Structure formats: C-alpha cells, structure tokens
Protein backbone atom coordinates (compact mmCIF):
# COMPACT_ATOMS: atom_id res chain seq x y z
CA MET A 1 -72.16 -41.64 -64.57
CA ASN A 2 -68.92 -40.31 -66.08
CA TYR A 3 -67.83 -36.90 -64.80
CA LYS A 4 -65.54 -34.73 -66.89
CA GLN A 5 -62.47 -33.26 -65.25
CA LYS A 6 -63.00 -29.56 -64.56
CA LYS A 7 -60.70 -26.87 -65.86
CA THR A 8 -60.85 -23.09 -65.47
CA LEU A 9 -59.64 -20.44 -67.87
CA ILE A 10 -59.18 -16.93 -66.49
CA LEU A 11 -58.93 -14.10 -69.01
CA VAL A 12 -56.93 -11.21 -67.57
CA ASN A 13 -57.20 -7.62 -68.74
CA LEU A 14 -56.15 -4.26 -67.34
CA GLY A 15 -59.74 -3.38 -66.55
CA GLY A 16 -62.12 -0.48 -66.77
CA PRO A 17 -64.85 0.98 -64.56
CA ARG A 18 -68.19 -0.69 -65.23
CA THR A 19 -70.07 2.27 -63.72
CA THR A 20 -69.37 5.88 -62.78
CA GLU A 21 -69.02 4.82 -59.15
CA GLU A 22 -66.09 2.53 -59.99
CA ILE A 23 -63.97 5.16 -61.76
CA GLU A 24 -61.96 6.35 -58.75
CA VAL A 25 -61.37 2.77 -57.58
CA PHE A 26 -60.15 1.84 -61.06
CA LEU A 27 -57.81 4.83 -61.26
CA THR A 28 -56.48 4.18 -57.75
CA ASP A 29 -55.67 0.57 -58.65
CA LEU A 30 -54.03 1.80 -61.85
CA PHE A 31 -51.83 4.50 -60.35
CA THR A 32 -50.83 2.58 -57.22
CA ASP A 33 -49.49 -0.33 -59.33
CA PRO A 34 -45.67 0.02 -59.24
CA PHE A 35 -45.34 -1.58 -62.68
CA VAL A 36 -47.69 1.00 -64.19
CA PHE A 37 -47.02 4.14 -62.19
CA ASP A 38 -43.28 3.61 -61.93
CA LEU A 39 -41.61 6.59 -60.26
CA PRO A 40 -38.16 6.86 -58.62
CA LEU A 41 -39.73 7.50 -55.24
CA PRO A 42 -39.92 5.50 -52.00
CA GLU A 43 -43.29 3.82 -51.45
CA PHE A 44 -44.28 6.16 -48.61
CA LEU A 45 -44.18 9.01 -51.15
CA ARG A 46 -45.22 7.18 -54.33
CA LEU A 47 -48.45 5.69 -52.96
CA PRO A 48 -49.95 8.92 -51.54
CA LEU A 49 -49.01 10.71 -54.77
CA ALA A 50 -50.66 7.97 -56.82
CA ARG A 51 -53.88 8.20 -54.79
CA PHE A 52 -53.87 11.98 -55.10
CA ILE A 53 -53.51 11.80 -58.89
CA ALA A 54 -56.29 9.19 -59.12
CA LYS A 55 -58.65 11.38 -57.12
CA LYS A 56 -57.74 14.52 -59.07
CA ARG A 57 -58.26 12.82 -62.47
CA THR A 58 -61.59 11.21 -61.56
CA PRO A 59 -63.87 14.17 -62.52
CA LYS A 60 -62.17 14.57 -65.92
CA VAL A 61 -62.32 10.84 -66.63
CA LYS A 62 -65.99 10.73 -65.61
CA LYS A 63 -66.84 13.22 -68.35
CA ILE A 64 -65.03 11.12 -70.96
CA TYR A 65 -66.83 7.94 -69.95
CA GLU A 66 -70.20 9.74 -69.84
CA SER A 67 -69.69 10.86 -73.44
CA MET A 68 -69.18 7.27 -74.65
CA GLY A 69 -72.76 6.18 -74.04
CA PHE A 70 -72.13 3.10 -71.89
CA GLY A 71 -73.89 4.30 -68.77
CA GLY A 72 -70.92 6.21 -67.41
CA GLY A 73 -68.51 3.29 -67.50
CA SER A 74 -66.31 1.31 -69.86
CA PRO A 75 -67.44 -1.59 -72.06
CA LEU A 76 -64.13 -3.42 -71.59
CA VAL A 77 -65.27 -5.79 -68.84
CA ALA A 78 -68.47 -6.69 -70.71
CA GLU A 79 -66.53 -7.23 -73.95
CA THR A 80 -64.00 -9.46 -72.16
CA GLU A 81 -66.90 -11.46 -70.71
CA LYS A 82 -68.17 -12.04 -74.26
CA GLN A 83 -64.73 -13.35 -75.22
CA ALA A 84 -64.69 -15.60 -72.14
CA LYS A 85 -68.07 -17.10 -72.98
CA ALA A 86 -67.04 -17.76 -76.58
CA LEU A 87 -63.71 -19.31 -75.52
CA GLU A 88 -65.48 -21.52 -72.99
CA GLN A 89 -67.66 -22.91 -75.77
CA ILE A 90 -64.66 -23.51 -78.04
CA LEU A 91 -62.65 -25.31 -75.35
CA ASN A 92 -65.59 -27.50 -74.36
CA ARG A 93 -66.05 -28.42 -78.00
CA LYS A 94 -62.37 -29.16 -78.57
CA THR A 95 -61.63 -31.20 -75.43
CA ASP A 96 -63.10 -33.81 -73.09
CA PHE A 97 -62.80 -31.45 -70.12
CA ASN A 98 -65.51 -29.36 -68.52
CA TRP A 99 -64.22 -25.78 -69.00
CA THR A 100 -65.37 -22.66 -67.17
CA ALA A 101 -64.04 -19.30 -68.37
CA LYS A 102 -63.87 -16.32 -66.03
CA VAL A 103 -62.74 -12.71 -66.27
CA ALA A 104 -60.25 -11.00 -63.93
CA MET A 105 -58.92 -7.44 -64.02
CA THR A 106 -55.74 -6.00 -62.52
CA CYS A 107 -57.49 -2.65 -61.99
CA GLY A 108 -61.09 -2.32 -60.87
CA PHE A 109 -63.57 -5.20 -60.71
CA PRO A 110 -63.68 -8.18 -60.81
CA HIS A 111 -60.17 -7.92 -59.37
CA ILE A 112 -57.57 -10.61 -59.86
CA ARG A 113 -56.91 -10.64 -56.11
CA ASP A 114 -60.48 -11.90 -55.39
CA THR A 115 -60.67 -15.32 -53.76
CA GLU A 116 -62.62 -16.89 -56.64
CA PHE A 117 -59.48 -16.83 -58.80
CA GLU A 118 -57.43 -19.84 -57.75
CA LYS A 119 -53.75 -20.70 -57.97
CA PRO A 120 -52.36 -21.16 -61.51
CA SER A 121 -51.96 -24.82 -62.44
CA SER A 122 -52.69 -27.16 -65.32
CA ASP A 123 -56.33 -27.00 -64.21
CA THR A 124 -56.51 -23.22 -63.66
CA ILE A 125 -54.99 -21.35 -66.58
CA TYR A 126 -54.44 -17.60 -66.76
CA LEU A 127 -54.48 -15.92 -70.17
CA PRO A 128 -53.44 -12.23 -70.16
CA LEU A 129 -55.14 -10.57 -73.14
CA TYR A 130 -52.09 -8.58 -74.19
CA PRO A 131 -50.53 -9.63 -77.51
CA GLN A 132 -47.27 -7.87 -76.60
CA TYR A 133 -45.30 -8.22 -73.38
CA SER A 134 -44.87 -5.15 -71.18
CA ARG A 135 -43.93 -4.54 -67.58
CA SER A 136 -47.11 -2.45 -67.23
CA THR A 137 -49.41 -5.28 -68.31
CA VAL A 138 -47.95 -8.79 -68.26
CA LEU A 139 -45.37 -8.30 -65.51
CA SER A 140 -47.98 -6.45 -63.45
CA THR A 141 -50.34 -9.43 -63.83
CA LEU A 142 -47.64 -11.90 -62.80
CA SER A 143 -46.73 -9.77 -59.81
CA HIS A 144 -50.35 -9.72 -58.63
CA LEU A 145 -50.48 -13.52 -58.85
CA GLU A 146 -47.11 -13.93 -57.13
CA LYS A 147 -48.19 -11.78 -54.19
CA LYS A 148 -51.41 -13.74 -53.88
CA PHE A 149 -50.00 -17.27 -54.21
CA LYS A 150 -46.36 -16.78 -53.12
CA GLU A 151 -44.94 -18.04 -56.40
CA CYS A 152 -44.54 -16.71 -59.93
CA PRO A 153 -46.94 -18.54 -62.28
CA VAL A 154 -44.51 -18.66 -65.21
CA GLY A 155 -43.70 -22.34 -65.74
CA SER A 156 -46.52 -23.57 -63.52
CA GLY A 157 -48.53 -24.91 -66.46
CA GLY A 158 -51.20 -22.36 -65.64
CA TYR A 159 -50.00 -19.35 -67.61
CA VAL A 160 -50.23 -18.48 -71.32
CA PRO A 161 -47.45 -16.18 -72.59
CA SER A 162 -47.83 -13.25 -74.99
CA PHE A 163 -47.75 -13.92 -78.71
CA ALA A 164 -46.52 -10.83 -80.56
CA SER A 165 -43.99 -12.71 -82.70
CA ASP A 166 -46.19 -15.68 -83.59
CA LEU A 167 -46.69 -16.12 -87.34
CA LYS A 168 -50.22 -17.38 -86.83
CA PHE A 169 -51.14 -14.22 -84.90
CA HIS A 170 -49.77 -12.17 -87.81
CA GLN A 171 -51.78 -14.19 -90.33
CA ILE A 172 -55.02 -13.88 -88.36
CA THR A 173 -54.57 -10.13 -87.90
CA ALA A 174 -53.89 -9.58 -91.61
CA ARG A 175 -56.91 -11.69 -92.51
CA PHE A 176 -59.05 -9.73 -90.06
CA ILE A 177 -58.00 -6.41 -91.64
CA PHE A 178 -58.61 -7.85 -95.12
CA GLU A 179 -62.07 -9.06 -94.13
CA PHE A 180 -62.89 -5.67 -92.62
CA PHE A 181 -62.13 -3.86 -95.87
CA THR A 182 -63.79 -6.49 -98.04
CA LYS A 183 -66.90 -6.25 -95.84
CA SER A 184 -66.71 -9.91 -94.82
CA LEU A 185 -66.96 -9.39 -91.05
CA ASN A 186 -70.21 -9.90 -89.16
CA ARG A 187 -71.04 -6.34 -88.04
CA ASP A 188 -73.34 -7.63 -85.30
CA GLU A 189 -70.40 -9.21 -83.45
CA PHE A 190 -68.71 -5.85 -82.89
CA LEU A 191 -69.23 -3.00 -80.47
CA HIS A 192 -69.94 0.22 -82.40
CA PHE A 193 -68.86 -1.16 -85.77
CA PRO A 194 -67.75 1.87 -87.84
CA GLU A 195 -70.82 3.35 -89.54
CA VAL A 196 -68.79 4.71 -92.42
CA THR A 197 -66.31 2.29 -93.95
CA PHE A 198 -63.76 2.94 -96.67
CA ASN A 199 -65.13 2.35 -100.17
CA GLY A 200 -61.96 2.82 -102.24
CA ASP A 201 -59.02 0.49 -102.80
CA TRP A 202 -57.82 -0.41 -99.31
CA LYS A 203 -54.56 -1.72 -100.72
CA ASP A 204 -53.15 1.80 -101.09
CA LEU A 205 -54.13 3.16 -97.67
CA ASP A 206 -51.61 4.37 -95.10
CA PHE A 207 -52.01 2.00 -92.14
CA ILE A 208 -51.17 3.31 -88.69
CA PHE A 209 -50.66 0.56 -86.12
CA SER A 210 -51.44 2.45 -82.92
CA ALA A 211 -50.28 0.89 -79.65
CA HIS A 212 -50.87 2.00 -76.09
CA GLY A 213 -47.82 3.99 -75.06
CA VAL A 214 -45.67 3.33 -71.98
CA PRO A 215 -43.20 5.59 -70.15
CA MET A 216 -39.65 5.34 -71.49
CA ARG A 217 -38.58 4.66 -67.91
CA LEU A 218 -40.04 1.15 -68.35
CA ILE A 219 -38.15 0.63 -71.61
CA ARG A 220 -34.90 1.68 -69.95
CA LYS A 221 -35.52 -0.98 -67.29
CA GLY A 222 -35.46 -3.67 -69.95
CA ASP A 223 -39.08 -3.74 -71.14
CA ARG A 224 -39.10 -5.13 -74.70
CA TYR A 225 -42.53 -3.71 -75.45
CA MET A 226 -41.39 -1.54 -78.38
CA GLN A 227 -39.59 -4.52 -79.92
CA GLU A 228 -42.73 -6.59 -79.45
CA ILE A 229 -44.82 -3.95 -81.23
CA GLU A 230 -42.29 -3.78 -84.06
CA SER A 231 -42.28 -7.57 -84.38
CA SER A 232 -46.08 -7.64 -84.59
CA VAL A 233 -46.28 -4.90 -87.22
CA LYS A 234 -43.48 -6.36 -89.33
CA GLY A 235 -45.12 -9.79 -89.40
CA ILE A 236 -48.62 -8.44 -90.07
CA THR A 237 -47.35 -6.18 -92.85
CA GLU A 238 -45.68 -9.15 -94.54
CA GLN A 239 -48.96 -11.04 -94.43
CA LEU A 240 -50.89 -8.04 -95.75
CA ARG A 241 -48.48 -7.87 -98.69
CA LEU A 242 -49.45 -11.44 -99.55
CA LEU A 243 -53.06 -10.24 -99.68
CA GLY A 244 -52.17 -7.50 -102.14
CA TYR A 245 -51.53 -4.56 -99.85
CA ARG A 246 -49.26 -1.91 -101.45
CA GLY A 247 -49.43 1.02 -99.05
CA GLN A 248 -47.20 2.22 -96.23
CA THR A 249 -47.43 1.11 -92.60
CA HIS A 250 -46.54 3.22 -89.58
CA ILE A 251 -46.10 2.50 -85.86
CA SER A 252 -47.28 5.00 -83.27
CA TYR A 253 -48.19 5.20 -79.58
CA GLN A 254 -51.26 6.68 -77.93
CA SER A 255 -52.77 7.50 -74.51
CA LYS A 256 -49.83 9.38 -72.95
CA VAL A 257 -50.43 10.56 -69.38
CA GLY A 258 -48.31 13.12 -67.53
CA PRO A 259 -45.15 15.06 -68.42
CA ALA A 260 -42.65 12.16 -68.48
CA LYS A 261 -41.17 10.99 -71.77
CA TRP A 262 -43.21 8.16 -73.34
CA THR A 263 -42.74 5.87 -76.31
CA GLU A 264 -42.73 7.72 -79.63
CA PRO A 265 -43.78 8.74 -82.21
CA SER A 266 -47.18 9.65 -80.85
CA SER A 267 -50.25 8.67 -82.83
CA LEU A 268 -51.32 12.32 -82.86
CA GLN A 269 -48.03 13.34 -84.50
CA ILE A 270 -48.19 10.62 -87.14
CA ILE A 271 -51.84 11.28 -87.97
CA GLU A 272 -51.37 15.02 -88.29
CA SER A 273 -48.28 14.60 -90.46
CA LEU A 274 -49.93 12.13 -92.86
CA ALA A 275 -53.14 14.16 -92.94
CA LYS A 276 -51.26 17.29 -94.02
CA GLU A 277 -49.97 15.27 -96.97
CA GLY A 278 -53.56 14.51 -97.93
CA LYS A 279 -53.25 10.78 -97.19
CA GLN A 280 -56.04 8.26 -96.77
CA ILE A 281 -55.53 6.91 -93.27
CA ALA A 282 -56.62 3.73 -91.48
CA VAL A 283 -55.80 3.05 -87.84
CA TYR A 284 -55.56 -0.43 -86.35
CA PRO A 285 -55.29 -0.89 -82.54
CA ILE A 286 -52.31 -3.24 -82.53
CA SER A 287 -52.07 -3.67 -78.73
CA PHE A 288 -55.79 -4.11 -78.02
CA VAL A 289 -57.99 -7.18 -78.54
CA SER A 290 -61.34 -5.61 -77.62
CA ASP A 291 -62.90 -2.19 -78.17
CA HIS A 292 -63.13 0.27 -75.29
CA LEU A 293 -62.17 3.86 -74.41
CA GLU A 294 -58.87 3.93 -76.31
CA THR A 295 -60.30 2.53 -79.54
CA LEU A 296 -63.81 3.98 -79.59
CA GLU A 297 -63.19 7.44 -78.15
CA GLU A 298 -59.49 8.13 -78.70
CA ILE A 299 -59.08 6.52 -82.12
CA GLY A 300 -62.67 6.68 -83.34
CA GLU A 301 -63.37 10.29 -82.35
CA GLN A 302 -60.24 12.26 -81.40
CA PHE A 303 -57.96 10.80 -84.06
CA LYS A 304 -60.66 10.99 -86.72
CA ASP A 305 -61.36 14.66 -86.00
CA LEU A 306 -57.65 15.51 -86.06
CA ALA A 307 -57.11 13.65 -89.34
CA LEU A 308 -60.01 15.21 -91.21
CA GLU A 309 -59.37 18.70 -89.85
CA SER A 310 -55.70 18.41 -90.87
CA GLY A 311 -56.44 17.49 -94.49
CA ALA A 312 -56.70 13.70 -94.68
CA LYS A 313 -58.74 12.49 -97.65
CA SER A 314 -60.32 9.82 -95.44
CA PHE A 315 -60.03 8.24 -92.02
CA THR A 316 -60.98 4.69 -91.09
CA ARG A 317 -61.01 3.11 -87.64
CA ILE A 318 -60.46 -0.63 -87.86
CA PRO A 319 -62.08 -2.37 -84.86
CA ALA A 320 -60.34 -4.66 -82.41
CA PHE A 321 -60.85 -8.44 -82.62
CA GLY A 322 -63.64 -8.79 -80.08
CA ILE A 323 -65.16 -12.23 -80.61
CA TYR A 324 -63.73 -12.70 -84.12
CA PRO A 325 -63.86 -16.52 -84.41
CA PRO A 326 -60.38 -17.19 -85.91
CA PHE A 327 -58.77 -15.14 -83.15
CA LEU A 328 -60.63 -16.98 -80.40
CA GLU A 329 -59.80 -20.33 -81.98
CA TYR A 330 -56.17 -19.23 -81.91
CA LEU A 331 -56.38 -18.28 -78.23
CA ALA A 332 -57.91 -21.67 -77.47
CA GLU A 333 -54.91 -23.35 -79.11
CA ARG A 334 -52.61 -21.23 -76.94
CA VAL A 335 -54.51 -22.27 -73.82
CA LEU A 336 -54.27 -25.96 -74.66
CA ALA A 337 -50.52 -25.62 -75.21
CA ALA A 338 -49.92 -23.70 -71.98
CA ASP A 339 -48.16 -26.62 -70.24
CA ILE A 340 -45.39 -26.87 -72.79
CA LEU A 341 -44.70 -23.28 -73.83
CA ILE A 342 -42.44 -21.99 -71.05
CA SER A 343 -39.14 -23.29 -69.71
CA TYR A 344 -37.29 -20.07 -68.88
CA CYS A 345 -37.78 -16.75 -67.06
CA SER A 346 -39.77 -14.72 -69.56
CA CYS A 347 -40.01 -11.88 -67.01
CA LYS A 348 -36.25 -11.36 -67.07
CA GLU A 349 -35.95 -11.71 -70.83
CA MET A 350 -38.96 -9.60 -71.78
CA GLY A 351 -39.39 -7.24 -68.84
CA GLY A 352 -35.90 -6.75 -67.47
CA GLU A 353 -36.31 -8.44 -64.08
CA SER A 354 -37.25 -11.72 -62.46
CA LEU A 355 -39.89 -11.75 -59.77
CA PRO A 356 -38.67 -12.87 -56.30
CA THR A 357 -40.13 -16.39 -56.52
CA CYS A 358 -39.04 -17.16 -60.10
CA ARG A 359 -38.62 -20.93 -60.50
CA PHE A 360 -35.95 -20.49 -63.20
CA LYS A 361 -33.38 -18.51 -61.21
C-alpha cells in the first residue's frame, strides 16, 4: 500500500471568543500582547494594566457580542474553520500529499501556543490570514512561534508571507466586488449576506476601503501597515477601473480603542463627510478575509446607521471573502510556494525590527 506524505496547514487569525465565557480570556490575551498593546511602560506595569483593562472592558464587550446573535460569542473561529476545511480539500486535490488544515488563534482558543501546533517546516506551514503586514498581527504571530520553538519561522519553509502588493490579490478582490454588485456570488456561502443590496449602477458609488486601525506608535516604530493598505487599495482600484468602475475610492481606519492617536482618517469621519454630501456609499473590509464583529456589527450596523442618518442616499456593506473559491485557490497557491518566497528578514523590513532568533541577521 502506498502512503501519501502528510502535510499540515495552520491558518492563523487574531481570534475571537467562541462563547460568552471566553470573552475575558480573549481580551486578556489581546491586551497582554506587547505587539498589540504597545505602551512605553516596563512589563511589571504594562501587564497588570493590560489585565485590568481586559477585565474592565469585558461587560461592555459581552453586550456587543450578545447583540450579534451568535450565542454570545464571535463567528470568527467558526468562519476560519470553514476556510480551513475548504483549503484542505483544494490542497488535497492539487497535490499528491495528504493535507490536514487546522486553525490557530493568537488570542483566545484554539491558541497558537497549544501543543498540537508543531514547529514550522516544509511539512507544517503557517498561513496568517492578514493580507497586510502589521506588527500587531503578523509580527505578533511570528513572536508567538519564536517563543514556542526558539526560532523565527521566517525562512523556515513553513511560513506564508502577507500579500498586500500582489497583483493577483488585487485582481481577485476587484472580481469579488464586481460579482457582489452583479449578483453573481453564492449567497449561501456567506455569513449574514446583506439582505438589501444596491440596485443602481455600482460603477459610480463611493467605495470606502475600511481597514482595522492601529496605534500610530506602531507606525513610528517602522510598521508599514499604512503603506500596505495603500498598496492594496491602489492595486484593487486599478483593477476595478478595468471592470468599468468610475467612482471615487477612499481609505479609512476603524475600531479605535483608547485615547492614543491611531491611524487616520477614521471610517466614521469619512462616512459622515460623504453622507453629508448625499453620496451613495459602499464599504469594503480591506484588512479582513472573513466576517465577524468588525464587519457585521461595526460596518453593517454602526456605519450604516451613521451614513443614512447623515444624509447618504444609500449604504452598502460588501462582505469579506469567506470561502469565496477564487480567493481560497489563491491562498492554496501561496501555501504551495511557501518554500521559495522568503530569503530576507521581512520582520525588519515590514515591521521595523528583527526578532531575536532571525536567521537573516
């Protein structure tokens, strides 16, 4: 009997509480991460403060999750598991290997530090589900893996880099938006597909590409996240033009937490400004690949209410990719090319610092 060589793909996301009981654990993981909650404080002060903030925010966050209708938790883990299952099928179809796809989170469960997630190698490949590089997402993921395995995975053959500037990513995103407005997407593949879709000429809409914001402190440390967002939007806009799009595109940032200065302009500012001009607005979640709190509640409810109350003629939430087949086929290609994509310290170039065990120093 011939046995196929086994390979494992691990999809990494920031995470979300699956139940109400996991909310405080999720927030504690989030705020104690030095690449996320980056304050100019010694650890003996930063960590207790982070735990205090997590505990204090838990009741407020519970109410938000309860309002979403997913049993008091977030759908992000379940949606990432759908993507993993679909990618597993694609990789088994495309190769002669026996692939198993798993899901790991850097906050909450299943946590990336769990023993089931093995050392990155050509047989165990980690794919962070962040199109754009940021210290708060990609560098955080790499740091978790470095602490666990005593080496940075970049260049190990077991890590897939971000893809914000890739032409094919731009083409797939533009096609996805086009198919959404031409009603060519399979509604059943999406979580809470918008009930009301735009019925006019989508080619003249104002598109807002809304990204998750990050503190400017991270940008000042060398994080190229804003440049990555700009690269994505520029490339996608060019591809939309080829599909006939004539309107204006805008970049904005959402989900600010705390009083510190964050990336701007805020999505709330942009939406209110365009709405007061009577624009027809569509929002696409440029930094997200699956729908969850930020897309369903923040964009789909808060942004919609603000837009319509401020005078917008219409508001449309474009969903995230989810299990959109062309996107998953693209990710599979990235996974299969993981061994040959990296030959330099991407952490230093994209995030402003090398991790201690960088193999390219």
